[in-house]
Amino acid sequence: MQAIRVREFGEPDVMKVEEAPDLQAGDNQIVVQIQANGVNPVDTYIRSGTYAVKPDLPYTPGSDAAGTVSSIGSGIHHVQVGDRVYIAGSLTGSYASQALCTATQVHPLPDNISFAQGAGVYVPFATAYRGLFQRAKGVAGETVLVHGASGGVGTAAVQLARAAGLTVIGTAGSERGKTLVAEQGAHHVVSHHDADSAQQIMDITNGKGVNVILEMLADVNLDKDLRMLAHGGRVVVIGNRGTIEINPRDAMARDAAILGMVLLLAPPEDIAGIHAGLRAGLENGSLNPVVGQELPLADAPRAHVAVMEPGAYGKIVLIP
């Protein structure tokens, strides 16, 4: 098998393709033959050595992928060899042609979803689902503002919110991105480059503000977010790259809440609920992961540069 290996933390070029022995499934384990790997911003933080949790070196990056079950160990009953699946993490890393997984990390992939799309299910859609429903407790009839709505998490959030009956406002930074956000079901799309973007959002809500904000870049937007909330509004901090000064009175005046989230900290029962919800949406067609770019596995360094650039457009996928 081929696998990307990182032998030192650093810039994207520390990722190299290496040959490795094929994987073997032990008890309660599954080997997945990977057809597509998903690239996420968190992968770049881990690779650079700046993430809060550092894996032991050397390691193979990645937690999102899709493919077919190639072998199973004893105790595995929910999938069979040959089944199409997506993975939610693995024991060995997903930037490879094979991944070794525990039973709870492997989930059926409906036939209507391609492998490339399946590689964009776990981190983007589970993050959006947890932020919108489990942290913010968003419900039908409320209004949600999705910052960075043209990216992987953003498009997932737009689809989930629209399917659940929320009014969706999405922001994007390019005309191509704005078109994508509208295509995913957003009722309103605003350019976050507009100087009056906050006023546009307030006008959309007739001055009442939004009930939920899914924030992908809190160090830039959180101060403005608090002033766009309705009474009882909630901001869920999904992404952040630095510090910001806010006025707590803006939260006090609205009886508002700032909620942090890290997907890896979700308890097992919440994760199980997320995957149940995602599987239903994938099967009924209300969820449809957007693939923005497909690259060969060896181009992982290029993918790590692209995933951090402005103008996000769907999911970046590596093909082994």
C-alpha atoms as a PDB file:
ATOM      1  CA  MET A   1       0.000   0.000   0.000  1.00  0.00           C
ATOM      2  CA  GLN A   2       0.958   3.648  -0.392  1.00  0.00           C
ATOM      3  CA  ALA A   3       0.711   6.147   2.439  1.00  0.00           C
ATOM      4  CA  ILE A   4       1.668   9.742   3.127  1.00  0.00           C
ATOM      5  CA  ARG A   5       4.104   9.838   6.041  1.00  0.00           C
ATOM      6  CA  VAL A   6       5.127  12.819   8.168  1.00  0.00           C
ATOM      7  CA  ARG A   7       8.480  12.291   9.895  1.00  0.00           C
ATOM      8  CA  GLU A   8       8.855  15.832  11.236  1.00  0.00           C
ATOM      9  CA  PHE A   9       6.410  18.668  11.870  1.00  0.00           C
ATOM     10  CA  GLY A  10       6.696  21.584   9.494  1.00  0.00           C
ATOM     11  CA  GLU A  11       5.667  22.961   6.122  1.00  0.00           C
ATOM     12  CA  PRO A  12       3.493  20.994   3.650  1.00  0.00           C
ATOM     13  CA  ASP A  13       6.516  19.421   1.955  1.00  0.00           C
ATOM     14  CA  VAL A  14       7.238  17.292   5.030  1.00  0.00           C
ATOM     15  CA  MET A  15       4.514  14.977   3.671  1.00  0.00           C
ATOM     16  CA  LYS A  16       6.017  12.230   1.497  1.00  0.00           C
ATOM     17  CA  VAL A  17       4.509   9.186  -0.232  1.00  0.00           C
ATOM     18  CA  GLU A  18       6.010   5.937   1.047  1.00  0.00           C
ATOM     19  CA  GLU A  19       5.426   2.237   0.435  1.00  0.00           C
ATOM     20  CA  ALA A  20       4.131   0.329   3.446  1.00  0.00           C
ATOM     21  CA  PRO A  21       2.938  -3.242   4.152  1.00  0.00           C
ATOM     22  CA  ASP A  22      -0.737  -3.966   3.548  1.00  0.00           C
ATOM     23  CA  LEU A  23      -2.853  -3.708   6.673  1.00  0.00           C
ATOM     24  CA  GLN A  24      -4.400  -6.645   8.518  1.00  0.00           C
ATOM     25  CA  ALA A  25      -7.651  -6.532  10.504  1.00  0.00           C
ATOM     26  CA  GLY A  26      -7.571  -7.745  14.102  1.00  0.00           C
ATOM     27  CA  ASP A  27     -10.524  -8.422  16.399  1.00  0.00           C
ATOM     28  CA  ASN A  28     -13.230  -5.746  16.038  1.00  0.00           C
ATOM     29  CA  GLN A  29     -11.214  -4.051  13.299  1.00  0.00           C
ATOM     30  CA  ILE A  30     -11.857  -3.268   9.631  1.00  0.00           C
ATOM     31  CA  VAL A  31      -9.467  -2.599   6.761  1.00  0.00           C
ATOM     32  CA  VAL A  32     -10.874  -0.160   4.215  1.00  0.00           C
ATOM     33  CA  GLN A  33      -9.480   0.091   0.685  1.00  0.00           C
ATOM     34  CA  ILE A  34      -9.463   3.851   0.234  1.00  0.00           C
ATOM     35  CA  GLN A  35     -10.825   5.370  -2.986  1.00  0.00           C
ATOM     36  CA  ALA A  36     -10.794   9.023  -1.864  1.00  0.00           C
ATOM     37  CA  ASN A  37      -9.322  11.000   1.049  1.00  0.00           C
ATOM     38  CA  GLY A  38     -10.732  14.245   2.425  1.00  0.00           C
ATOM     39  CA  VAL A  39      -8.478  17.209   3.304  1.00  0.00           C
ATOM     40  CA  ASN A  40      -9.430  19.453   6.225  1.00  0.00           C
ATOM     41  CA  PRO A  41      -7.854  22.598   7.729  1.00  0.00           C
ATOM     42  CA  VAL A  42      -7.220  20.723  10.986  1.00  0.00           C
ATOM     43  CA  ASP A  43      -4.904  18.390   9.051  1.00  0.00           C
ATOM     44  CA  THR A  44      -2.636  21.364   8.333  1.00  0.00           C
ATOM     45  CA  TYR A  45      -2.530  22.437  11.984  1.00  0.00           C
ATOM     46  CA  ILE A  46      -1.511  18.936  13.074  1.00  0.00           C
ATOM     47  CA  ARG A  47       1.132  18.638  10.332  1.00  0.00           C
ATOM     48  CA  SER A  48       2.673  21.983  11.271  1.00  0.00           C
ATOM     49  CA  GLY A  49       2.945  20.988  14.935  1.00  0.00           C
ATOM     50  CA  THR A  50       0.772  23.873  16.130  1.00  0.00           C
ATOM     51  CA  TYR A  51      -2.293  21.813  17.095  1.00  0.00           C
ATOM     52  CA  ALA A  52      -3.064  21.233  20.761  1.00  0.00           C
ATOM     53  CA  VAL A  53      -2.654  17.468  20.339  1.00  0.00           C
ATOM     54  CA  LYS A  54       0.394  16.175  18.467  1.00  0.00           C
ATOM     55  CA  PRO A  55       0.567  12.605  17.136  1.00  0.00           C
ATOM     56  CA  ASP A  56       3.692  10.535  17.638  1.00  0.00           C
ATOM     57  CA  LEU A  57       6.085  10.740  14.711  1.00  0.00           C
ATOM     58  CA  PRO A  58       6.064   9.368  12.093  1.00  0.00           C
ATOM     59  CA  TYR A  59       2.361   9.423  11.302  1.00  0.00           C
ATOM     60  CA  THR A  60      -0.083   9.400   8.402  1.00  0.00           C
ATOM     61  CA  PRO A  61      -2.414  12.428   8.315  1.00  0.00           C
ATOM     62  CA  GLY A  62      -6.144  12.500   7.741  1.00  0.00           C
ATOM     63  CA  SER A  63      -9.409  11.344   9.265  1.00  0.00           C
ATOM     64  CA  ASP A  64     -11.860  11.534   6.312  1.00  0.00           C
ATOM     65  CA  ALA A  65     -12.027   8.922   3.568  1.00  0.00           C
ATOM     66  CA  ALA A  66     -14.329   6.618   1.622  1.00  0.00           C
ATOM     67  CA  GLY A  67     -13.833   3.274  -0.055  1.00  0.00           C
ATOM     68  CA  THR A  68     -14.733  -0.398   0.253  1.00  0.00           C
ATOM     69  CA  VAL A  69     -14.277  -2.899   3.063  1.00  0.00           C
ATOM     70  CA  SER A  70     -11.375  -5.188   2.128  1.00  0.00           C
ATOM     71  CA  SER A  71     -11.193  -7.317   5.298  1.00  0.00           C
ATOM     72  CA  ILE A  72     -12.842  -7.609   8.702  1.00  0.00           C
ATOM     73  CA  GLY A  73     -11.849  -9.117  12.008  1.00  0.00           C
ATOM     74  CA  SER A  74     -13.957 -11.172  14.395  1.00  0.00           C
ATOM     75  CA  GLY A  75     -16.803  -9.307  16.055  1.00  0.00           C
ATOM     76  CA  ILE A  76     -17.661  -7.145  13.023  1.00  0.00           C
ATOM     77  CA  HIS A  77     -21.297  -7.490  11.954  1.00  0.00           C
ATOM     78  CA  HIS A  78     -22.532  -4.122  10.611  1.00  0.00           C
ATOM     79  CA  VAL A  79     -20.471  -4.243   7.384  1.00  0.00           C
ATOM     80  CA  GLN A  80     -19.191  -6.983   5.087  1.00  0.00           C
ATOM     81  CA  VAL A  81     -16.256  -7.298   2.711  1.00  0.00           C
ATOM     82  CA  GLY A  82     -17.026  -5.309  -0.432  1.00  0.00           C
ATOM     83  CA  ASP A  83     -19.392  -2.832   1.237  1.00  0.00           C
ATOM     84  CA  ARG A  84     -19.111   0.852   0.298  1.00  0.00           C
ATOM     85  CA  VAL A  85     -18.271   2.911   3.407  1.00  0.00           C
ATOM     86  CA  TYR A  86     -17.035   6.237   4.680  1.00  0.00           C
ATOM     87  CA  ILE A  87     -14.746   6.470   7.681  1.00  0.00           C
ATOM     88  CA  ALA A  88     -14.825   8.776  10.677  1.00  0.00           C
ATOM     89  CA  GLY A  89     -11.232   8.595  11.785  1.00  0.00           C
ATOM     90  CA  SER A  90      -8.950   5.565  11.768  1.00  0.00           C
ATOM     91  CA  LEU A  91      -6.142   3.916  13.685  1.00  0.00           C
ATOM     92  CA  THR A  92      -3.596   4.484  10.929  1.00  0.00           C
ATOM     93  CA  GLY A  93      -4.510   7.767   9.177  1.00  0.00           C
ATOM     94  CA  SER A  94      -6.497   8.205   5.981  1.00  0.00           C
ATOM     95  CA  TYR A  95      -3.972   9.730   3.524  1.00  0.00           C
ATOM     96  CA  ALA A  96      -3.229   6.267   2.167  1.00  0.00           C
ATOM     97  CA  SER A  97      -4.574   3.530  -0.064  1.00  0.00           C
ATOM     98  CA  GLN A  98      -5.716   1.565   3.007  1.00  0.00           C
ATOM     99  CA  ALA A  99      -6.867   2.461   6.520  1.00  0.00           C
ATOM    100  CA  LEU A 100      -7.273   0.314   9.621  1.00  0.00           C
ATOM    101  CA  CYS A 101     -10.379   1.264  11.587  1.00  0.00           C
ATOM    102  CA  THR A 102     -12.351   0.273  14.649  1.00  0.00           C
ATOM    103  CA  ALA A 103     -15.958  -0.817  14.230  1.00  0.00           C
ATOM    104  CA  THR A 104     -17.348   2.575  15.298  1.00  0.00           C
ATOM    105  CA  GLN A 105     -15.227   4.433  12.734  1.00  0.00           C
ATOM    106  CA  VAL A 106     -16.777   2.772   9.667  1.00  0.00           C
ATOM    107  CA  HIS A 107     -20.206   3.738   8.317  1.00  0.00           C
ATOM    108  CA  PRO A 108     -22.241   2.614   5.284  1.00  0.00           C
ATOM    109  CA  LEU A 109     -22.035   4.895   2.244  1.00  0.00           C
ATOM    110  CA  PRO A 110     -25.279   5.055   0.226  1.00  0.00           C
ATOM    111  CA  ASP A 111     -25.024   4.140  -3.455  1.00  0.00           C
ATOM    112  CA  ASN A 112     -26.148   7.624  -4.492  1.00  0.00           C
ATOM    113  CA  ILE A 113     -23.030   9.186  -2.934  1.00  0.00           C
ATOM    114  CA  SER A 114     -19.716   8.896  -4.801  1.00  0.00           C
ATOM    115  CA  PHE A 115     -16.482   7.945  -3.059  1.00  0.00           C
ATOM    116  CA  ALA A 116     -15.157  11.493  -3.556  1.00  0.00           C
ATOM    117  CA  GLN A 117     -18.287  12.852  -1.874  1.00  0.00           C
ATOM    118  CA  GLY A 118     -17.997  10.227   0.853  1.00  0.00           C
ATOM    119  CA  ALA A 119     -14.548  11.577   1.684  1.00  0.00           C
ATOM    120  CA  GLY A 120     -16.289  14.841   2.583  1.00  0.00           C
ATOM    121  CA  VAL A 121     -18.836  13.443   5.009  1.00  0.00           C
ATOM    122  CA  TYR A 122     -17.250  13.008   8.424  1.00  0.00           C
ATOM    123  CA  VAL A 123     -15.430  16.192   9.450  1.00  0.00           C
ATOM    124  CA  PRO A 124     -17.471  18.747   7.445  1.00  0.00           C
ATOM    125  CA  PHE A 125     -20.946  17.326   7.991  1.00  0.00           C
ATOM    126  CA  ALA A 126     -20.417  16.042  11.537  1.00  0.00           C
ATOM    127  CA  THR A 127     -18.931  19.413  12.527  1.00  0.00           C
ATOM    128  CA  ALA A 128     -21.846  21.300  10.987  1.00  0.00           C
ATOM    129  CA  TYR A 129     -24.401  18.931  12.536  1.00  0.00           C
ATOM    130  CA  ARG A 130     -22.904  19.185  16.006  1.00  0.00           C
ATOM    131  CA  GLY A 131     -22.596  22.950  15.811  1.00  0.00           C
ATOM    132  CA  LEU A 132     -26.093  23.573  14.497  1.00  0.00           C
ATOM    133  CA  PHE A 133     -28.140  20.996  16.377  1.00  0.00           C
ATOM    134  CA  GLN A 134     -26.200  19.732  19.396  1.00  0.00           C
ATOM    135  CA  ARG A 135     -24.461  22.936  20.501  1.00  0.00           C
ATOM    136  CA  ALA A 136     -26.738  25.737  19.228  1.00  0.00           C
ATOM    137  CA  LYS A 137     -29.941  23.659  19.478  1.00  0.00           C
ATOM    138  CA  GLY A 138     -31.155  25.173  16.210  1.00  0.00           C
ATOM    139  CA  VAL A 139     -34.784  24.461  15.354  1.00  0.00           C
ATOM    140  CA  ALA A 140     -37.140  24.989  12.432  1.00  0.00           C
ATOM    141  CA  GLY A 141     -38.318  28.578  12.064  1.00  0.00           C
ATOM    142  CA  GLU A 142     -35.091  30.119  13.358  1.00  0.00           C
ATOM    143  CA  THR A 143     -32.600  32.030  11.234  1.00  0.00           C
ATOM    144  CA  VAL A 144     -28.995  30.852  10.963  1.00  0.00           C
ATOM    145  CA  LEU A 145     -26.026  32.773   9.606  1.00  0.00           C
ATOM    146  CA  VAL A 146     -23.307  30.535   8.163  1.00  0.00           C
ATOM    147  CA  HIS A 147     -19.981  32.320   7.773  1.00  0.00           C
ATOM    148  CA  GLY A 148     -17.723  30.909   5.061  1.00  0.00           C
ATOM    149  CA  ALA A 149     -20.666  29.043   3.614  1.00  0.00           C
ATOM    150  CA  SER A 150     -18.850  28.002   0.413  1.00  0.00           C
ATOM    151  CA  GLY A 151     -16.331  25.766   2.216  1.00  0.00           C
ATOM    152  CA  GLY A 152     -16.696  22.139   3.262  1.00  0.00           C
ATOM    153  CA  VAL A 153     -18.270  22.802   6.667  1.00  0.00           C
ATOM    154  CA  GLY A 154     -20.189  25.771   5.301  1.00  0.00           C
ATOM    155  CA  THR A 155     -21.914  23.930   2.456  1.00  0.00           C
ATOM    156  CA  ALA A 156     -22.731  21.102   4.867  1.00  0.00           C
ATOM    157  CA  ALA A 157     -24.264  23.563   7.328  1.00  0.00           C
ATOM    158  CA  VAL A 158     -26.365  25.212   4.625  1.00  0.00           C
ATOM    159  CA  GLN A 159     -27.761  21.852   3.490  1.00  0.00           C
ATOM    160  CA  LEU A 160     -28.466  20.660   7.041  1.00  0.00           C
ATOM    161  CA  ALA A 161     -30.130  23.907   8.084  1.00  0.00           C
ATOM    162  CA  ARG A 162     -32.277  24.158   4.962  1.00  0.00           C
ATOM    163  CA  ALA A 163     -33.438  20.544   5.339  1.00  0.00           C
ATOM    164  CA  ALA A 164     -34.357  21.203   8.977  1.00  0.00           C
ATOM    165  CA  GLY A 165     -36.549  24.215   8.192  1.00  0.00           C
ATOM    166  CA  LEU A 166     -34.291  27.090   9.247  1.00  0.00           C
ATOM    167  CA  THR A 167     -33.957  30.291   7.243  1.00  0.00           C
ATOM    168  CA  VAL A 168     -30.378  30.294   5.981  1.00  0.00           C
ATOM    169  CA  ILE A 169     -28.099  33.280   5.368  1.00  0.00           C
ATOM    170  CA  GLY A 170     -24.674  32.360   3.975  1.00  0.00           C
ATOM    171  CA  THR A 171     -21.571  34.442   3.376  1.00  0.00           C
ATOM    172  CA  ALA A 172     -18.914  33.891   0.717  1.00  0.00           C
ATOM    173  CA  GLY A 173     -16.004  35.870  -0.693  1.00  0.00           C
ATOM    174  CA  SER A 174     -16.330  35.378  -4.456  1.00  0.00           C
ATOM    175  CA  GLU A 175     -19.065  35.349  -7.061  1.00  0.00           C
ATOM    176  CA  ARG A 176     -18.349  31.654  -7.679  1.00  0.00           C
ATOM    177  CA  GLY A 177     -18.660  30.968  -3.971  1.00  0.00           C
ATOM    178  CA  LYS A 178     -21.873  32.988  -3.665  1.00  0.00           C
ATOM    179  CA  THR A 179     -23.411  31.037  -6.525  1.00  0.00           C
ATOM    180  CA  LEU A 180     -22.450  27.751  -4.835  1.00  0.00           C
ATOM    181  CA  VAL A 181     -23.994  28.832  -1.516  1.00  0.00           C
ATOM    182  CA  ALA A 182     -27.261  29.719  -3.258  1.00  0.00           C
ATOM    183  CA  GLU A 183     -27.246  26.384  -5.071  1.00  0.00           C
ATOM    184  CA  GLN A 184     -26.911  24.556  -1.738  1.00  0.00           C
ATOM    185  CA  GLY A 185     -30.154  26.112  -0.530  1.00  0.00           C
ATOM    186  CA  ALA A 186     -29.308  29.371   1.233  1.00  0.00           C
ATOM    187  CA  HIS A 187     -32.234  31.784   1.198  1.00  0.00           C
ATOM    188  CA  HIS A 188     -29.900  34.793   1.251  1.00  0.00           C
ATOM    189  CA  VAL A 189     -26.227  35.171   0.273  1.00  0.00           C
ATOM    190  CA  VAL A 190     -23.992  38.050   1.353  1.00  0.00           C
ATOM    191  CA  SER A 191     -20.399  38.852   0.393  1.00  0.00           C
ATOM    192  CA  HIS A 192     -18.263  39.062   3.505  1.00  0.00           C
ATOM    193  CA  HIS A 193     -16.090  41.562   1.644  1.00  0.00           C
ATOM    194  CA  ASP A 194     -18.895  44.145   1.622  1.00  0.00           C
ATOM    195  CA  ALA A 195     -18.268  46.894   4.149  1.00  0.00           C
ATOM    196  CA  ASP A 196     -21.963  46.902   5.037  1.00  0.00           C
ATOM    197  CA  SER A 197     -22.376  43.101   5.226  1.00  0.00           C
ATOM    198  CA  ALA A 198     -23.522  43.247   8.854  1.00  0.00           C
ATOM    199  CA  GLN A 199     -26.183  45.821   7.994  1.00  0.00           C
ATOM    200  CA  GLN A 200     -27.331  43.695   5.049  1.00  0.00           C
ATOM    201  CA  ILE A 201     -27.837  40.779   7.418  1.00  0.00           C
ATOM    202  CA  MET A 202     -29.761  42.920   9.898  1.00  0.00           C
ATOM    203  CA  ASP A 203     -31.946  44.200   7.058  1.00  0.00           C
ATOM    204  CA  ILE A 204     -32.698  40.610   5.960  1.00  0.00           C
ATOM    205  CA  THR A 205     -33.987  39.903   9.474  1.00  0.00           C
ATOM    206  CA  ASN A 206     -35.951  43.174   9.623  1.00  0.00           C
ATOM    207  CA  GLY A 207     -33.642  44.389  12.358  1.00  0.00           C
ATOM    208  CA  LYS A 208     -34.313  41.452  14.686  1.00  0.00           C
ATOM    209  CA  GLY A 209     -30.969  39.725  14.194  1.00  0.00           C
ATOM    210  CA  VAL A 210     -30.195  36.048  13.661  1.00  0.00           C
ATOM    211  CA  ASN A 211     -30.830  33.243  16.125  1.00  0.00           C
ATOM    212  CA  VAL A 212     -27.724  31.178  15.385  1.00  0.00           C
ATOM    213  CA  ILE A 213     -24.316  32.008  13.905  1.00  0.00           C
ATOM    214  CA  LEU A 214     -21.903  29.282  12.822  1.00  0.00           C
ATOM    215  CA  GLU A 215     -18.536  31.007  13.003  1.00  0.00           C
ATOM    216  CA  MET A 216     -15.571  29.674  11.015  1.00  0.00           C
ATOM    217  CA  LEU A 217     -13.150  32.555  11.752  1.00  0.00           C
ATOM    218  CA  ALA A 218     -13.939  33.903  15.198  1.00  0.00           C
ATOM    219  CA  ASP A 219     -10.789  36.022  15.499  1.00  0.00           C
ATOM    220  CA  VAL A 220     -12.110  38.169  12.637  1.00  0.00           C
ATOM    221  CA  ASN A 221     -15.881  38.118  13.149  1.00  0.00           C
ATOM    222  CA  LEU A 222     -16.877  37.438  16.749  1.00  0.00           C
ATOM    223  CA  ASP A 223     -17.175  41.089  17.791  1.00  0.00           C
ATOM    224  CA  LYS A 224     -19.547  41.810  14.887  1.00  0.00           C
ATOM    225  CA  ASP A 225     -21.361  38.522  15.398  1.00  0.00           C
ATOM    226  CA  LEU A 226     -22.534  39.498  18.859  1.00  0.00           C
ATOM    227  CA  ARG A 227     -24.151  42.651  17.498  1.00  0.00           C
ATOM    228  CA  MET A 228     -26.049  40.672  14.835  1.00  0.00           C
ATOM    229  CA  LEU A 229     -27.708  38.258  17.259  1.00  0.00           C
ATOM    230  CA  ALA A 230     -31.375  38.254  18.131  1.00  0.00           C
ATOM    231  CA  HIS A 231     -32.480  38.012  21.745  1.00  0.00           C
ATOM    232  CA  GLY A 232     -31.370  34.621  23.032  1.00  0.00           C
ATOM    233  CA  GLY A 233     -29.044  34.151  20.065  1.00  0.00           C
ATOM    234  CA  ARG A 234     -26.129  31.730  20.009  1.00  0.00           C
ATOM    235  CA  VAL A 235     -22.716  31.889  18.325  1.00  0.00           C
ATOM    236  CA  VAL A 236     -20.941  28.572  17.826  1.00  0.00           C
ATOM    237  CA  VAL A 237     -17.185  28.982  17.384  1.00  0.00           C
ATOM    238  CA  ILE A 238     -16.138  26.294  14.892  1.00  0.00           C
ATOM    239  CA  GLY A 239     -12.921  27.894  13.610  1.00  0.00           C
ATOM    240  CA  ASN A 240     -10.440  30.404  15.019  1.00  0.00           C
ATOM    241  CA  ARG A 241      -6.882  31.469  14.209  1.00  0.00           C
ATOM    242  CA  GLY A 242      -6.054  34.064  16.848  1.00  0.00           C
ATOM    243  CA  THR A 243      -7.370  36.485  19.469  1.00  0.00           C
ATOM    244  CA  ILE A 244     -10.053  39.163  19.311  1.00  0.00           C
ATOM    245  CA  GLU A 245     -11.389  41.842  21.645  1.00  0.00           C
ATOM    246  CA  ILE A 246     -15.145  41.813  22.291  1.00  0.00           C
ATOM    247  CA  ASN A 247     -17.509  43.833  24.444  1.00  0.00           C
ATOM    248  CA  PRO A 248     -19.311  41.394  26.772  1.00  0.00           C
ATOM    249  CA  ARG A 249     -22.186  43.862  27.051  1.00  0.00           C
ATOM    250  CA  ASP A 250     -23.141  42.953  23.479  1.00  0.00           C
ATOM    251  CA  ALA A 251     -23.825  39.420  24.704  1.00  0.00           C
ATOM    252  CA  MET A 252     -25.465  40.595  27.930  1.00  0.00           C
ATOM    253  CA  ALA A 253     -27.883  42.917  26.135  1.00  0.00           C
ATOM    254  CA  ARG A 254     -29.144  40.038  24.011  1.00  0.00           C
ATOM    255  CA  ASP A 255     -29.092  37.296  26.654  1.00  0.00           C
ATOM    256  CA  ALA A 256     -26.786  35.609  24.160  1.00  0.00           C
ATOM    257  CA  ALA A 257     -24.362  32.698  24.367  1.00  0.00           C
ATOM    258  CA  ILE A 258     -20.939  32.035  22.861  1.00  0.00           C
ATOM    259  CA  LEU A 259     -20.443  28.296  22.464  1.00  0.00           C
ATOM    260  CA  GLY A 260     -17.166  26.609  21.584  1.00  0.00           C
ATOM    261  CA  MET A 261     -16.918  23.207  19.967  1.00  0.00           C
ATOM    262  CA  VAL A 262     -14.298  20.670  18.916  1.00  0.00           C
ATOM    263  CA  LEU A 263     -15.709  17.625  17.148  1.00  0.00           C
ATOM    264  CA  LEU A 264     -13.209  15.266  18.785  1.00  0.00           C
ATOM    265  CA  LEU A 265     -14.557  16.215  22.231  1.00  0.00           C
ATOM    266  CA  ALA A 266     -18.111  15.071  21.453  1.00  0.00           C
ATOM    267  CA  PRO A 267     -19.173  12.115  23.640  1.00  0.00           C
ATOM    268  CA  PRO A 268     -19.829   8.746  21.959  1.00  0.00           C
ATOM    269  CA  GLU A 269     -23.605   9.013  22.267  1.00  0.00           C
ATOM    270  CA  ASP A 270     -23.571  12.362  20.463  1.00  0.00           C
ATOM    271  CA  ILE A 271     -21.326  10.984  17.714  1.00  0.00           C
ATOM    272  CA  ALA A 272     -23.720   8.062  17.234  1.00  0.00           C
ATOM    273  CA  GLY A 273     -26.606  10.489  16.879  1.00  0.00           C
ATOM    274  CA  ILE A 274     -24.674  12.555  14.350  1.00  0.00           C
ATOM    275  CA  HIS A 275     -23.992   9.587  12.096  1.00  0.00           C
ATOM    276  CA  ALA A 276     -27.598   8.425  12.310  1.00  0.00           C
ATOM    277  CA  GLY A 277     -28.749  11.859  11.189  1.00  0.00           C
ATOM    278  CA  LEU A 278     -26.161  12.084   8.413  1.00  0.00           C
ATOM    279  CA  ARG A 279     -26.984   8.642   7.054  1.00  0.00           C
ATOM    280  CA  ALA A 280     -30.678   9.546   6.808  1.00  0.00           C
ATOM    281  CA  GLY A 281     -29.867  12.781   4.979  1.00  0.00           C
ATOM    282  CA  LEU A 282     -27.462  11.091   2.575  1.00  0.00           C
ATOM    283  CA  GLU A 283     -29.982   8.373   1.784  1.00  0.00           C
ATOM    284  CA  ASN A 284     -32.917  10.707   1.193  1.00  0.00           C
ATOM    285  CA  GLY A 285     -30.877  13.129  -0.905  1.00  0.00           C
ATOM    286  CA  SER A 286     -31.168  16.185   1.336  1.00  0.00           C
ATOM    287  CA  LEU A 287     -27.405  16.009   1.974  1.00  0.00           C
ATOM    288  CA  ASN A 288     -25.068  16.053  -1.003  1.00  0.00           C
ATOM    289  CA  PRO A 289     -21.360  16.719  -0.245  1.00  0.00           C
ATOM    290  CA  VAL A 290     -19.730  19.207  -2.616  1.00  0.00           C
ATOM    291  CA  VAL A 291     -16.345  18.235  -4.070  1.00  0.00           C
ATOM    292  CA  GLY A 292     -14.432  21.289  -5.176  1.00  0.00           C
ATOM    293  CA  GLN A 293     -11.152  19.726  -6.288  1.00  0.00           C
ATOM    294  CA  GLU A 294      -9.631  16.251  -6.741  1.00  0.00           C
ATOM    295  CA  LEU A 295      -5.854  15.774  -6.599  1.00  0.00           C
ATOM    296  CA  PRO A 296      -3.528  12.743  -6.638  1.00  0.00           C
ATOM    297  CA  LEU A 297      -2.387  11.481  -3.226  1.00  0.00           C
ATOM    298  CA  ALA A 298       1.166  12.628  -3.963  1.00  0.00           C
ATOM    299  CA  ASP A 299      -0.148  16.208  -4.224  1.00  0.00           C
ATOM    300  CA  ALA A 300      -1.006  16.304  -0.513  1.00  0.00           C
ATOM    301  CA  PRO A 301       1.390  19.268   0.035  1.00  0.00           C
ATOM    302  CA  ARG A 302      -0.433  21.230  -2.673  1.00  0.00           C
ATOM    303  CA  ALA A 303      -3.780  20.328  -1.083  1.00  0.00           C
ATOM    304  CA  HIS A 304      -2.618  21.622   2.303  1.00  0.00           C
ATOM    305  CA  VAL A 305      -1.781  24.976   0.747  1.00  0.00           C
ATOM    306  CA  ALA A 306      -5.084  25.153  -1.135  1.00  0.00           C
ATOM    307  CA  VAL A 307      -7.297  24.282   1.841  1.00  0.00           C
ATOM    308  CA  MET A 308      -6.017  27.325   3.739  1.00  0.00           C
ATOM    309  CA  GLU A 309      -6.396  29.823   0.898  1.00  0.00           C
ATOM    310  CA  PRO A 310      -9.277  32.337   0.761  1.00  0.00           C
ATOM    311  CA  GLY A 311     -12.202  31.600  -1.527  1.00  0.00           C
ATOM    312  CA  ALA A 312     -13.080  28.135  -0.235  1.00  0.00           C
ATOM    313  CA  TYR A 313     -15.160  26.066  -2.646  1.00  0.00           C
ATOM    314  CA  GLY A 314     -16.355  22.683  -1.421  1.00  0.00           C
ATOM    315  CA  LYS A 315     -14.129  19.827  -0.318  1.00  0.00           C
ATOM    316  CA  ILE A 316     -10.583  19.086  -1.491  1.00  0.00           C
ATOM    317  CA  VAL A 317     -10.107  15.350  -2.078  1.00  0.00           C
ATOM    318  CA  LEU A 318      -6.983  13.228  -2.592  1.00  0.00           C
ATOM    319  CA  ILE A 319      -7.213  10.163  -4.842  1.00  0.00           C
ATOM    320  CA  PRO A 320      -4.769   7.292  -4.053  1.00  0.00           C
END
